[in-house]
C-alpha atoms as a PDB file:
ATOM      1  CA  MET A   1     -24.069  29.353-131.440  1.00  0.00           C
ATOM      2  CA  ALA A   2     -20.603  31.046-131.709  1.00  0.00           C
ATOM      3  CA  VAL A   3     -19.468  27.460-132.436  1.00  0.00           C
ATOM      4  CA  GLY A   4     -22.220  25.022-133.146  1.00  0.00           C
ATOM      5  CA  LEU A   5     -22.913  21.663-132.197  1.00  0.00           C
ATOM      6  CA  THR A   6     -21.805  18.793-134.608  1.00  0.00           C
ATOM      7  CA  ALA A   7     -24.972  16.756-134.600  1.00  0.00           C
ATOM      8  CA  ALA A   8     -28.698  17.681-134.529  1.00  0.00           C
ATOM      9  CA  VAL A   9     -30.348  17.611-131.139  1.00  0.00           C
ATOM     10  CA  ALA A  10     -33.769  16.108-130.451  1.00  0.00           C
ATOM     11  CA  LEU A  11     -36.052  18.606-129.155  1.00  0.00           C
ATOM     12  CA  THR A  12     -38.153  17.500-126.248  1.00  0.00           C
ATOM     13  CA  ALA A  13     -40.018  20.532-125.180  1.00  0.00           C
ATOM     14  CA  CYS A  14     -42.041  19.412-122.248  1.00  0.00           C
ATOM     15  CA  SER A  15     -42.738  22.534-120.224  1.00  0.00           C
ATOM     16  CA  ASN A  16     -43.522  26.300-120.587  1.00  0.00           C
ATOM     17  CA  PRO A  17     -40.026  27.914-120.557  1.00  0.00           C
ATOM     18  CA  ASN A  18     -41.528  31.263-119.264  1.00  0.00           C
ATOM     19  CA  ASN A  19     -43.504  29.631-116.428  1.00  0.00           C
ATOM     20  CA  ASP A  20     -41.732  30.907-113.218  1.00  0.00           C
ATOM     21  CA  ASP A  21     -43.595  28.602-110.798  1.00  0.00           C
ATOM     22  CA  SER A  22     -40.564  27.369-108.978  1.00  0.00           C
ATOM     23  CA  ALA A  23     -38.636  29.180-106.332  1.00  0.00           C
ATOM     24  CA  GLY A  24     -35.134  28.503-105.322  1.00  0.00           C
ATOM     25  CA  ALA A  25     -34.366  26.851-101.922  1.00  0.00           C
ATOM     26  CA  ALA A  26     -32.452  29.050 -99.597  1.00  0.00           C
ATOM     27  CA  ALA A  27     -28.969  27.506 -99.969  1.00  0.00           C
ATOM     28  CA  THR A  28     -26.626  27.645 -97.193  1.00  0.00           C
ATOM     29  CA  ALA A  29     -23.297  29.324 -98.137  1.00  0.00           C
ATOM     30  CA  ALA A  30     -20.501  26.892 -98.297  1.00  0.00           C
ATOM     31  CA  PRO A  31     -17.471  27.574 -96.102  1.00  0.00           C
ATOM     32  CA  ALA A  32     -14.225  28.544 -97.810  1.00  0.00           C
ATOM     33  CA  ASP A  33     -12.525  25.338 -96.639  1.00  0.00           C
ATOM     34  CA  LYS A  34     -15.160  23.096 -98.107  1.00  0.00           C
ATOM     35  CA  LYS A  35     -14.054  21.476-101.385  1.00  0.00           C
ATOM     36  CA  LEU A  36     -16.977  22.129-103.724  1.00  0.00           C
ATOM     37  CA  SER A  37     -18.264  19.654-106.275  1.00  0.00           C
ATOM     38  CA  ILE A  38     -19.057  20.775-109.835  1.00  0.00           C
ATOM     39  CA  GLY A  39     -20.970  19.096-112.459  1.00  0.00           C
ATOM     40  CA  PHE A  40     -20.425  20.334-116.080  1.00  0.00           C
ATOM     41  CA  PHE A  41     -23.257  19.276-118.325  1.00  0.00           C
ATOM     42  CA  GLY A  42     -21.520  19.963-121.684  1.00  0.00           C
ATOM     43  CA  PHE A  43     -22.683  19.291-125.289  1.00  0.00           C
ATOM     44  CA  ALA A  44     -20.460  16.330-125.670  1.00  0.00           C
ATOM     45  CA  LYS A  45     -16.800  15.150-124.846  1.00  0.00           C
ATOM     46  CA  ALA A  46     -16.267  14.686-128.535  1.00  0.00           C
ATOM     47  CA  ASN A  47     -16.941  18.386-129.325  1.00  0.00           C
ATOM     48  CA  SER A  48     -13.983  20.712-129.467  1.00  0.00           C
ATOM     49  CA  PHE A  49     -15.866  23.764-128.339  1.00  0.00           C
ATOM     50  CA  ALA A  50     -17.319  21.944-125.319  1.00  0.00           C
ATOM     51  CA  GLN A  51     -13.714  20.706-124.553  1.00  0.00           C
ATOM     52  CA  ALA A  52     -12.528  24.279-124.545  1.00  0.00           C
ATOM     53  CA  THR A  53     -15.391  25.095-122.025  1.00  0.00           C
ATOM     54  CA  TRP A  54     -14.377  22.094-119.945  1.00  0.00           C
ATOM     55  CA  ALA A  55     -10.757  23.142-119.897  1.00  0.00           C
ATOM     56  CA  GLY A  56     -11.697  26.539-118.405  1.00  0.00           C
ATOM     57  CA  VAL A  57     -14.016  24.985-115.893  1.00  0.00           C
ATOM     58  CA  GLN A  58     -11.374  22.516-114.855  1.00  0.00           C
ATOM     59  CA  GLU A  59      -8.598  25.085-114.472  1.00  0.00           C
ATOM     60  CA  TYR A  60     -10.583  27.499-112.300  1.00  0.00           C
ATOM     61  CA  ALA A  61     -12.007  24.739-110.219  1.00  0.00           C
ATOM     62  CA  ASN A  62      -8.596  23.216-109.575  1.00  0.00           C
ATOM     63  CA  ALA A  63      -7.203  26.571-108.429  1.00  0.00           C
ATOM     64  CA  ASN A  64     -10.191  27.410-106.107  1.00  0.00           C
ATOM     65  CA  ASN A  65     -10.757  24.342-103.945  1.00  0.00           C
ATOM     66  CA  ALA A  66     -13.275  22.587-106.196  1.00  0.00           C
ATOM     67  CA  GLU A  67     -13.494  19.367-108.148  1.00  0.00           C
ATOM     68  CA  ALA A  68     -15.352  19.187-111.432  1.00  0.00           C
ATOM     69  CA  THR A  69     -16.783  16.398-113.587  1.00  0.00           C
ATOM     70  CA  PHE A  70     -17.953  16.290-117.194  1.00  0.00           C
ATOM     71  CA  LEU A  71     -21.245  14.690-117.725  1.00  0.00           C
ATOM     72  CA  ASP A  72     -21.258  13.715-121.401  1.00  0.00           C
ATOM     73  CA  SER A  73     -24.828  13.636-123.019  1.00  0.00           C
ATOM     74  CA  ASN A  74     -23.313  13.224-126.501  1.00  0.00           C
ATOM     75  CA  PHE A  75     -25.447  15.956-128.042  1.00  0.00           C
ATOM     76  CA  ASP A  76     -28.590  14.197-126.869  1.00  0.00           C
ATOM     77  CA  GLY A  77     -31.263  16.523-125.337  1.00  0.00           C
ATOM     78  CA  PRO A  78     -33.126  13.781-123.372  1.00  0.00           C
ATOM     79  CA  THR A  79     -30.033  12.290-121.991  1.00  0.00           C
ATOM     80  CA  GLN A  80     -28.838  15.628-120.723  1.00  0.00           C
ATOM     81  CA  VAL A  81     -32.310  16.192-118.971  1.00  0.00           C
ATOM     82  CA  ASN A  82     -32.119  12.828-117.274  1.00  0.00           C
ATOM     83  CA  GLN A  83     -28.460  13.368-116.164  1.00  0.00           C
ATOM     84  CA  LEU A  84     -29.468  16.648-114.465  1.00  0.00           C
ATOM     85  CA  GLN A  85     -32.528  15.187-112.827  1.00  0.00           C
ATOM     86  CA  ASP A  86     -30.418  12.329-111.528  1.00  0.00           C
ATOM     87  CA  ALA A  87     -27.775  14.862-110.154  1.00  0.00           C
ATOM     88  CA  VAL A  88     -30.594  16.678-108.293  1.00  0.00           C
ATOM     89  CA  THR A  89     -31.848  13.507-106.826  1.00  0.00           C
ATOM     90  CA  SER A  90     -28.419  12.463-105.754  1.00  0.00           C
ATOM     91  CA  LYS A  91     -27.347  15.758-104.443  1.00  0.00           C
ATOM     92  CA  ARG A  92     -24.058  14.969-105.920  1.00  0.00           C
ATOM     93  CA  TYR A  93     -23.042  18.544-106.850  1.00  0.00           C
ATOM     94  CA  ASP A  94     -22.861  21.890-105.191  1.00  0.00           C
ATOM     95  CA  VAL A  95     -22.587  23.671-108.511  1.00  0.00           C
ATOM     96  CA  VAL A  96     -23.878  22.757-111.921  1.00  0.00           C
ATOM     97  CA  ILE A  97     -22.713  24.509-115.162  1.00  0.00           C
ATOM     98  CA  VAL A  98     -25.334  23.799-117.917  1.00  0.00           C
ATOM     99  CA  GLN A  99     -24.353  24.020-121.512  1.00  0.00           C
ATOM    100  CA  ALA A 100     -27.763  23.077-122.807  1.00  0.00           C
ATOM    101  CA  ASN A 101     -28.335  20.908-125.969  1.00  0.00           C
ATOM    102  CA  ASP A 102     -31.957  21.860-125.825  1.00  0.00           C
ATOM    103  CA  GLY A 103     -32.581  24.975-123.752  1.00  0.00           C
ATOM    104  CA  THR A 104     -36.403  24.435-123.639  1.00  0.00           C
ATOM    105  CA  ALA A 105     -36.283  20.816-122.373  1.00  0.00           C
ATOM    106  CA  MET A 106     -33.851  21.792-119.838  1.00  0.00           C
ATOM    107  CA  VAL A 107     -36.093  24.163-118.056  1.00  0.00           C
ATOM    108  CA  ASN A 108     -37.717  21.922-115.664  1.00  0.00           C
ATOM    109  CA  PRO A 109     -34.633  20.007-114.435  1.00  0.00           C
ATOM    110  CA  VAL A 110     -32.773  23.420-114.116  1.00  0.00           C
ATOM    111  CA  LYS A 111     -35.901  24.578-111.874  1.00  0.00           C
ATOM    112  CA  GLN A 112     -35.611  21.385-109.791  1.00  0.00           C
ATOM    113  CA  ALA A 113     -31.895  22.033-109.282  1.00  0.00           C
ATOM    114  CA  VAL A 114     -32.552  25.611-108.149  1.00  0.00           C
ATOM    115  CA  ALA A 115     -35.279  24.417-105.864  1.00  0.00           C
ATOM    116  CA  ALA A 116     -32.985  21.948-104.334  1.00  0.00           C
ATOM    117  CA  GLY A 117     -30.493  24.572-103.309  1.00  0.00           C
ATOM    118  CA  ILE A 118     -27.885  23.867-106.087  1.00  0.00           C
ATOM    119  CA  THR A 119     -26.110  26.798-107.607  1.00  0.00           C
ATOM    120  CA  VAL A 120     -26.974  26.716-111.297  1.00  0.00           C
ATOM    121  CA  VAL A 121     -24.883  28.589-113.998  1.00  0.00           C
ATOM    122  CA  VAL A 122     -26.348  28.542-117.453  1.00  0.00           C
ATOM    123  CA  GLU A 123     -23.456  28.929-119.911  1.00  0.00           C
ATOM    124  CA  PHE A 124     -23.322  29.929-123.661  1.00  0.00           C
ATOM    125  CA  THR A 125     -26.814  28.659-124.516  1.00  0.00           C
ATOM    126  CA  PRO A 126     -30.078  30.255-123.074  1.00  0.00           C
ATOM    127  CA  VAL A 127     -32.242  27.813-120.964  1.00  0.00           C
ATOM    128  CA  GLY A 128     -35.691  28.750-121.903  1.00  0.00           C
ATOM    129  CA  GLY A 129     -37.716  29.804-125.056  1.00  0.00           C
ATOM    130  CA  LYS A 130     -36.042  33.248-125.765  1.00  0.00           C
ATOM    131  CA  TYR A 131     -32.891  33.523-127.845  1.00  0.00           C
ATOM    132  CA  ASP A 132     -32.487  37.151-127.739  1.00  0.00           C
ATOM    133  CA  THR A 133     -31.439  37.823-124.203  1.00  0.00           C
ATOM    134  CA  ALA A 134     -28.936  36.827-121.458  1.00  0.00           C
ATOM    135  CA  ALA A 135     -31.386  37.629-118.738  1.00  0.00           C
ATOM    136  CA  PRO A 136     -32.332  34.593-116.518  1.00  0.00           C
ATOM    137  CA  GLN A 137     -35.414  32.705-117.896  1.00  0.00           C
ATOM    138  CA  VAL A 138     -35.319  30.465-114.853  1.00  0.00           C
ATOM    139  CA  PRO A 139     -35.353  32.371-111.518  1.00  0.00           C
ATOM    140  CA  GLY A 140     -32.413  31.675-109.322  1.00  0.00           C
ATOM    141  CA  THR A 141     -30.096  30.868-112.041  1.00  0.00           C
ATOM    142  CA  ILE A 142     -26.676  32.691-112.957  1.00  0.00           C
ATOM    143  CA  ASN A 143     -26.338  33.334-116.713  1.00  0.00           C
ATOM    144  CA  ILE A 144     -23.288  33.880-118.890  1.00  0.00           C
ATOM    145  CA  ILE A 145     -24.780  33.679-122.330  1.00  0.00           C
ATOM    146  CA  ASP A 146     -23.946  34.536-125.971  1.00  0.00           C
ATOM    147  CA  PRO A 147     -27.541  35.212-127.171  1.00  0.00           C
ATOM    148  CA  PRO A 148     -28.080  33.769-130.567  1.00  0.00           C
ATOM    149  CA  THR A 149     -29.470  36.916-132.033  1.00  0.00           C
ATOM    150  CA  VAL A 150     -26.452  38.984-130.887  1.00  0.00           C
ATOM    151  CA  ASN A 151     -24.191  36.345-132.558  1.00  0.00           C
ATOM    152  CA  GLY A 152     -26.191  36.681-135.834  1.00  0.00           C
ATOM    153  CA  GLU A 153     -26.195  40.429-135.685  1.00  0.00           C
ATOM    154  CA  GLY A 154     -22.354  40.317-135.161  1.00  0.00           C
ATOM    155  CA  LEU A 155     -21.823  37.909-138.080  1.00  0.00           C
ATOM    156  CA  ALA A 156     -23.893  40.244-140.341  1.00  0.00           C
ATOM    157  CA  LYS A 157     -21.874  43.287-139.264  1.00  0.00           C
ATOM    158  CA  MET A 158     -18.690  41.679-140.239  1.00  0.00           C
ATOM    159  CA  GLY A 159     -20.286  40.344-143.435  1.00  0.00           C
ATOM    160  CA  LEU A 160     -21.115  43.965-144.378  1.00  0.00           C
ATOM    161  CA  GLU A 161     -17.635  45.056-143.711  1.00  0.00           C
ATOM    162  CA  ALA A 162     -16.358  42.065-145.676  1.00  0.00           C
ATOM    163  CA  CYS A 163     -18.386  43.271-148.783  1.00  0.00           C
ATOM    164  CA  LYS A 164     -16.519  46.394-148.979  1.00  0.00           C
ATOM    165  CA  THR A 165     -13.306  44.290-149.570  1.00  0.00           C
ATOM    166  CA  VAL A 166     -14.608  42.185-152.420  1.00  0.00           C
ATOM    167  CA  ALA A 167     -17.484  43.991-154.074  1.00  0.00           C
ATOM    168  CA  GLY A 168     -18.790  47.507-154.928  1.00  0.00           C
ATOM    169  CA  SER A 169     -22.402  47.980-154.893  1.00  0.00           C
ATOM    170  CA  GLY A 170     -24.721  44.832-154.912  1.00  0.00           C
ATOM    171  CA  CYS A 171     -22.801  42.694-152.723  1.00  0.00           C
ATOM    172  CA  LYS A 172     -24.138  39.181-152.751  1.00  0.00           C
ATOM    173  CA  VAL A 173     -23.950  37.352-149.344  1.00  0.00           C
ATOM    174  CA  ALA A 174     -24.587  33.724-148.565  1.00  0.00           C
ATOM    175  CA  TYR A 175     -25.463  32.741-144.979  1.00  0.00           C
ATOM    176  CA  LEU A 176     -25.053  29.124-144.378  1.00  0.00           C
ATOM    177  CA  GLN A 177     -27.301  28.065-141.489  1.00  0.00           C
ATOM    178  CA  GLY A 178     -26.074  25.530-139.055  1.00  0.00           C
ATOM    179  CA  PHE A 179     -28.953  23.153-138.700  1.00  0.00           C
ATOM    180  CA  ALA A 180     -32.290  23.399-140.373  1.00  0.00           C
ATOM    181  CA  ASN A 181     -35.342  23.802-137.978  1.00  0.00           C
ATOM    182  CA  TYR A 182     -33.088  23.979-135.014  1.00  0.00           C
ATOM    183  CA  PRO A 183     -34.527  26.907-132.770  1.00  0.00           C
ATOM    184  CA  LEU A 184     -31.091  28.390-131.753  1.00  0.00           C
ATOM    185  CA  ASP A 185     -29.865  28.395-135.389  1.00  0.00           C
ATOM    186  CA  THR A 186     -33.209  29.754-136.576  1.00  0.00           C
ATOM    187  CA  ALA A 187     -33.010  32.615-134.275  1.00  0.00           C
ATOM    188  CA  ARG A 188     -29.425  33.427-135.199  1.00  0.00           C
ATOM    189  CA  THR A 189     -30.140  33.028-138.898  1.00  0.00           C
ATOM    190  CA  GLU A 190     -33.095  35.394-138.793  1.00  0.00           C
ATOM    191  CA  ALA A 191     -31.091  37.980-136.936  1.00  0.00           C
ATOM    192  CA  ALA A 192     -28.247  37.776-139.349  1.00  0.00           C
ATOM    193  CA  VAL A 193     -30.468  37.962-142.537  1.00  0.00           C
ATOM    194  CA  LYS A 194     -32.402  40.985-141.055  1.00  0.00           C
ATOM    195  CA  THR A 195     -29.210  42.881-140.275  1.00  0.00           C
ATOM    196  CA  LEU A 196     -27.741  42.116-143.844  1.00  0.00           C
ATOM    197  CA  GLU A 197     -30.737  43.237-145.584  1.00  0.00           C
ATOM    198  CA  ALA A 198     -31.417  46.361-143.638  1.00  0.00           C
ATOM    199  CA  GLY A 199     -31.386  49.324-145.925  1.00  0.00           C
ATOM    200  CA  GLY A 200     -30.742  47.225-148.908  1.00  0.00           C
ATOM    201  CA  ALA A 201     -27.168  46.785-147.868  1.00  0.00           C
ATOM    202  CA  ALA A 202     -26.755  43.318-149.340  1.00  0.00           C
ATOM    203  CA  GLU A 203     -28.521  40.729-151.497  1.00  0.00           C
ATOM    204  CA  VAL A 204     -28.793  37.671-149.270  1.00  0.00           C
ATOM    205  CA  VAL A 205     -28.909  33.915-150.011  1.00  0.00           C
ATOM    206  CA  SER A 206     -29.996  32.138-146.938  1.00  0.00           C
ATOM    207  CA  ASN A 207     -31.504  28.830-147.799  1.00  0.00           C
ATOM    208  CA  PHE A 208     -28.305  26.802-147.636  1.00  0.00           C
ATOM    209  CA  VAL A 209     -27.464  24.625-144.580  1.00  0.00           C
ATOM    210  CA  GLY A 210     -23.737  24.523-143.942  1.00  0.00           C
ATOM    211  CA  GLY A 211     -23.717  22.346-140.717  1.00  0.00           C
ATOM    212  CA  TYR A 212     -20.764  22.138-138.377  1.00  0.00           C
ATOM    213  CA  THR A 213     -18.230  20.002-140.216  1.00  0.00           C
ATOM    214  CA  PRO A 214     -15.803  20.619-143.034  1.00  0.00           C
ATOM    215  CA  ASP A 215     -17.657  17.952-145.123  1.00  0.00           C
ATOM    216  CA  SER A 216     -21.167  19.606-144.683  1.00  0.00           C
ATOM    217  CA  GLY A 217     -19.610  22.956-145.574  1.00  0.00           C
ATOM    218  CA  ARG A 218     -17.903  21.652-148.673  1.00  0.00           C
ATOM    219  CA  ALA A 219     -21.183  20.192-149.853  1.00  0.00           C
ATOM    220  CA  ALA A 220     -23.075  23.400-149.194  1.00  0.00           C
ATOM    221  CA  MET A 221     -20.429  25.452-151.033  1.00  0.00           C
ATOM    222  CA  GLN A 222     -20.507  23.190-153.983  1.00  0.00           C
ATOM    223  CA  ASN A 223     -24.433  23.734-154.263  1.00  0.00           C
ATOM    224  CA  LEU A 224     -23.917  27.491-153.499  1.00  0.00           C
ATOM    225  CA  LEU A 225     -21.411  28.074-156.376  1.00  0.00           C
ATOM    226  CA  GLN A 226     -23.594  26.168-158.900  1.00  0.00           C
ATOM    227  CA  ALA A 227     -26.642  28.249-157.937  1.00  0.00           C
ATOM    228  CA  HIS A 228     -24.767  31.589-157.310  1.00  0.00           C
ATOM    229  CA  PRO A 229     -21.371  31.743-158.986  1.00  0.00           C
ATOM    230  CA  ASP A 230     -21.286  35.454-158.477  1.00  0.00           C
ATOM    231  CA  ILE A 231     -21.300  35.224-154.802  1.00  0.00           C
ATOM    232  CA  ASN A 232     -19.093  37.557-152.731  1.00  0.00           C
ATOM    233  CA  VAL A 233     -19.174  36.828-149.178  1.00  0.00           C
ATOM    234  CA  VAL A 234     -19.986  33.448-147.369  1.00  0.00           C
ATOM    235  CA  ILE A 235     -20.881  33.318-143.655  1.00  0.00           C
ATOM    236  CA  GLY A 236     -21.029  30.136-141.690  1.00  0.00           C
ATOM    237  CA  SER A 237     -19.584  28.058-138.853  1.00  0.00           C
ATOM    238  CA  SER A 238     -15.873  27.936-138.674  1.00  0.00           C
ATOM    239  CA  GLN A 239     -15.907  24.199-139.094  1.00  0.00           C
ATOM    240  CA  ALA A 240     -18.069  24.432-142.185  1.00  0.00           C
ATOM    241  CA  LEU A 241     -16.079  27.173-143.806  1.00  0.00           C
ATOM    242  CA  GLN A 242     -12.903  25.241-143.491  1.00  0.00           C
ATOM    243  CA  GLY A 243     -14.472  22.859-145.994  1.00  0.00           C
ATOM    244  CA  ALA A 244     -15.884  25.535-148.215  1.00  0.00           C
ATOM    245  CA  THR A 245     -12.765  27.682-148.409  1.00  0.00           C
ATOM    246  CA  PRO A 246     -10.725  25.707-150.810  1.00  0.00           C
ATOM    247  CA  LEU A 247     -13.582  25.806-153.393  1.00  0.00           C
ATOM    248  CA  ALA A 248     -13.144  29.644-153.556  1.00  0.00           C
ATOM    249  CA  ALA A 249      -9.506  29.386-154.722  1.00  0.00           C
ATOM    250  CA  GLY A 250      -8.959  31.893-157.576  1.00  0.00           C
ATOM    251  CA  LYS A 251     -12.354  33.581-157.017  1.00  0.00           C
ATOM    252  CA  LYS A 252     -13.116  36.947-155.431  1.00  0.00           C
ATOM    253  CA  ILE A 253     -14.843  35.464-152.452  1.00  0.00           C
ATOM    254  CA  THR A 254     -14.209  36.110-148.769  1.00  0.00           C
ATOM    255  CA  PHE A 255     -15.619  34.520-145.691  1.00  0.00           C
ATOM    256  CA  VAL A 256     -16.877  35.332-142.139  1.00  0.00           C
ATOM    257  CA  GLY A 257     -16.577  32.448-139.746  1.00  0.00           C
ATOM    258  CA  ASN A 258     -18.266  31.798-136.416  1.00  0.00           C
ATOM    259  CA  GLY A 259     -15.855  30.237-134.057  1.00  0.00           C
ATOM    260  CA  ASN A 260     -12.677  30.907-131.988  1.00  0.00           C
ATOM    261  CA  SER A 261     -10.656  27.968-133.104  1.00  0.00           C
ATOM    262  CA  THR A 262      -6.762  28.130-134.030  1.00  0.00           C
ATOM    263  CA  GLN A 263      -7.886  27.252-137.565  1.00  0.00           C
ATOM    264  CA  ALA A 264     -10.247  30.228-137.750  1.00  0.00           C
ATOM    265  CA  TYR A 265      -7.572  32.618-136.280  1.00  0.00           C
ATOM    266  CA  ASP A 266      -4.949  31.461-138.850  1.00  0.00           C
ATOM    267  CA  LEU A 267      -7.397  31.934-141.872  1.00  0.00           C
ATOM    268  CA  VAL A 268      -8.256  35.530-140.661  1.00  0.00           C
ATOM    269  CA  ASN A 269      -4.629  36.294-139.982  1.00  0.00           C
ATOM    270  CA  LYS A 270      -3.627  35.077-143.434  1.00  0.00           C
ATOM    271  CA  GLY A 271      -6.380  37.268-144.941  1.00  0.00           C
ATOM    272  CA  THR A 272      -8.113  34.230-146.394  1.00  0.00           C
ATOM    273  CA  TRP A 273     -11.160  35.209-144.250  1.00  0.00           C
ATOM    274  CA  TYR A 274     -12.306  38.556-143.501  1.00  0.00           C
ATOM    275  CA  ALA A 275     -13.163  37.868-139.923  1.00  0.00           C
ATOM    276  CA  THR A 276     -14.616  35.387-137.391  1.00  0.00           C
ATOM    277  CA  TYR A 277     -16.819  35.616-134.570  1.00  0.00           C
ATOM    278  CA  ALA A 278     -14.325  35.121-131.736  1.00  0.00           C
ATOM    279  CA  LEU A 279     -15.796  34.114-128.362  1.00  0.00           C
ATOM    280  CA  PRO A 280     -13.001  32.927-125.861  1.00  0.00           C
ATOM    281  CA  GLU A 281     -14.789  29.770-124.946  1.00  0.00           C
ATOM    282  CA  LYS A 282     -12.132  28.561-122.504  1.00  0.00           C
ATOM    283  CA  GLY A 283     -12.361  31.909-120.797  1.00  0.00           C
ATOM    284  CA  GLN A 284     -16.343  31.599-120.595  1.00  0.00           C
ATOM    285  CA  GLY A 285     -15.894  28.203-119.067  1.00  0.00           C
ATOM    286  CA  ALA A 286     -13.607  29.574-116.360  1.00  0.00           C
ATOM    287  CA  LYS A 287     -15.975  32.470-115.728  1.00  0.00           C
ATOM    288  CA  ALA A 288     -18.863  30.175-115.330  1.00  0.00           C
ATOM    289  CA  ALA A 289     -16.879  28.200-112.724  1.00  0.00           C
ATOM    290  CA  GLU A 290     -15.890  31.424-111.057  1.00  0.00           C
ATOM    291  CA  LEU A 291     -19.486  32.650-110.848  1.00  0.00           C
ATOM    292  CA  GLY A 292     -20.741  29.387-109.731  1.00  0.00           C
ATOM    293  CA  ILE A 293     -18.085  28.762-106.921  1.00  0.00           C
ATOM    294  CA  LYS A 294     -18.472  32.384-105.713  1.00  0.00           C
ATOM    295  CA  LYS A 295     -22.232  32.185-105.492  1.00  0.00           C
ATOM    296  CA  ALA A 296     -21.990  28.828-103.665  1.00  0.00           C
ATOM    297  CA  ARG A 297     -19.676  30.473-101.088  1.00  0.00           C
ATOM    298  CA  GLY A 298     -22.271  33.302-100.492  1.00  0.00           C
ATOM    299  CA  GLU A 299     -20.795  36.044-102.562  1.00  0.00           C
ATOM    300  CA  THR A 300     -22.857  38.261-104.649  1.00  0.00           C
ATOM    301  CA  VAL A 301     -22.382  37.894-108.433  1.00  0.00           C
ATOM    302  CA  PRO A 302     -24.242  39.218-111.407  1.00  0.00           C
ATOM    303  CA  GLU A 303     -27.173  37.099-112.383  1.00  0.00           C
ATOM    304  CA  SER A 304     -26.769  37.714-116.195  1.00  0.00           C
ATOM    305  CA  SER A 305     -23.765  38.610-118.413  1.00  0.00           C
ATOM    306  CA  VAL A 306     -23.453  38.939-122.151  1.00  0.00           C
ATOM    307  CA  ALA A 307     -20.315  36.786-122.671  1.00  0.00           C
ATOM    308  CA  CYS A 308     -18.724  38.962-125.544  1.00  0.00           C
ATOM    309  CA  GLU A 309     -19.085  42.114-123.405  1.00  0.00           C
ATOM    310  CA  VAL A 310     -17.507  40.497-120.362  1.00  0.00           C
ATOM    311  CA  LEU A 311     -14.657  38.450-122.009  1.00  0.00           C
ATOM    312  CA  THR A 312     -13.607  40.613-124.941  1.00  0.00           C
ATOM    313  CA  ASP A 313     -12.865  44.318-125.759  1.00  0.00           C
ATOM    314  CA  TYR A 314     -14.008  43.777-129.282  1.00  0.00           C
ATOM    315  CA  ASN A 315     -17.483  42.339-128.803  1.00  0.00           C
ATOM    316  CA  CYS A 316     -16.331  39.031-130.373  1.00  0.00           C
ATOM    317  CA  LEU A 317     -16.063  40.812-133.739  1.00  0.00           C
ATOM    318  CA  GLY A 318     -12.789  39.093-134.704  1.00  0.00           C
ATOM    319  CA  THR A 319     -11.160  40.989-137.672  1.00  0.00           C
ATOM    320  CA  LYS A 320      -7.515  40.675-138.311  1.00  0.00           C
ATOM    321  CA  GLU A 321      -6.950  43.999-136.450  1.00  0.00           C
ATOM    322  CA  ALA A 322      -9.010  42.837-133.475  1.00  0.00           C
ATOM    323  CA  LEU A 323      -7.271  39.479-133.090  1.00  0.00           C
ATOM    324  CA  THR A 324      -3.788  40.740-133.426  1.00  0.00           C
ATOM    325  CA  GLY A 325      -1.813  39.519-130.342  1.00  0.00           C
ATOM    326  CA  LYS A 326      -4.408  37.156-129.279  1.00  0.00           C
ATOM    327  CA  THR A 327      -4.591  33.390-128.963  1.00  0.00           C
ATOM    328  CA  ALA A 328      -7.291  30.879-129.879  1.00  0.00           C
ATOM    329  CA  ASP A 329      -8.908  28.758-127.143  1.00  0.00           C
ATOM    330  CA  TYR A 330      -9.053  25.499-129.017  1.00  0.00           C
ATOM    331  CA  SER A 331      -8.636  23.643-132.217  1.00  0.00           C
ATOM    332  CA  ASP A 332     -11.374  22.158-134.376  1.00  0.00           C
END
């Protein structure tokens, strides 16, 4: 993910994500004067990325006759499944925005919500078993997605550009995976490594786990420098790289982050990092709320959008030049 979770998520795959056996109920369009209720099923209230999404959801909802609630699963997949199932049973929300901890486990409750006539917006993380598409994997949902493979390819493109600033031929790149054995991270890592290695453009070190905290990033960087002191470029989550960066002092190493935080912007603007994958997450939250509210009121909205194409004019490839004059959405 553009900015990853800060704790591992238990996987509870209990359905075939590509089984399209549910059909949405014909929901009655809500009148313009009805105050809509929105449930935001975010990663965790403690997560800065989810808080940025939430700020966008709230801002748009408050300005458009709607009230939003953050349902905190605290990074736990089964808890989030139960929360959505309870919401469907209680019919508490007209619109739900799902930022899935476990996109496979959320398939069945999302199908139940659609079948109950609730407007469902899938935000940031795909709900289903495919990580290379923003297309709906549950019929009847609205999707504004940053496909993990697109994220990985974007990181690799910036990594190859970064090579030109610190190395001649034979650039050595380290890709710090977020979580080991986490499907979303696995898909992103595979896409990044494949793009980096295409045509022999770079030598890739991809067996280090950087996580999503400065402490985990610092530990990964220590191990990386011991094994590969001649590394040229390091790619990883913006949080992890904040811990890794000080260890590169005095060395000809540059970084490519994955995150849209104020800290990431500052490091790019200073030239300490070459670039960061900059997805405006508050804007994505607002867009998710906009799509959900309009759909619930009977308007026609696109069923799928690639977030970086809709929300930026630089495909989230946040070089210093691309970020000039732009403001970050949140702080780590």
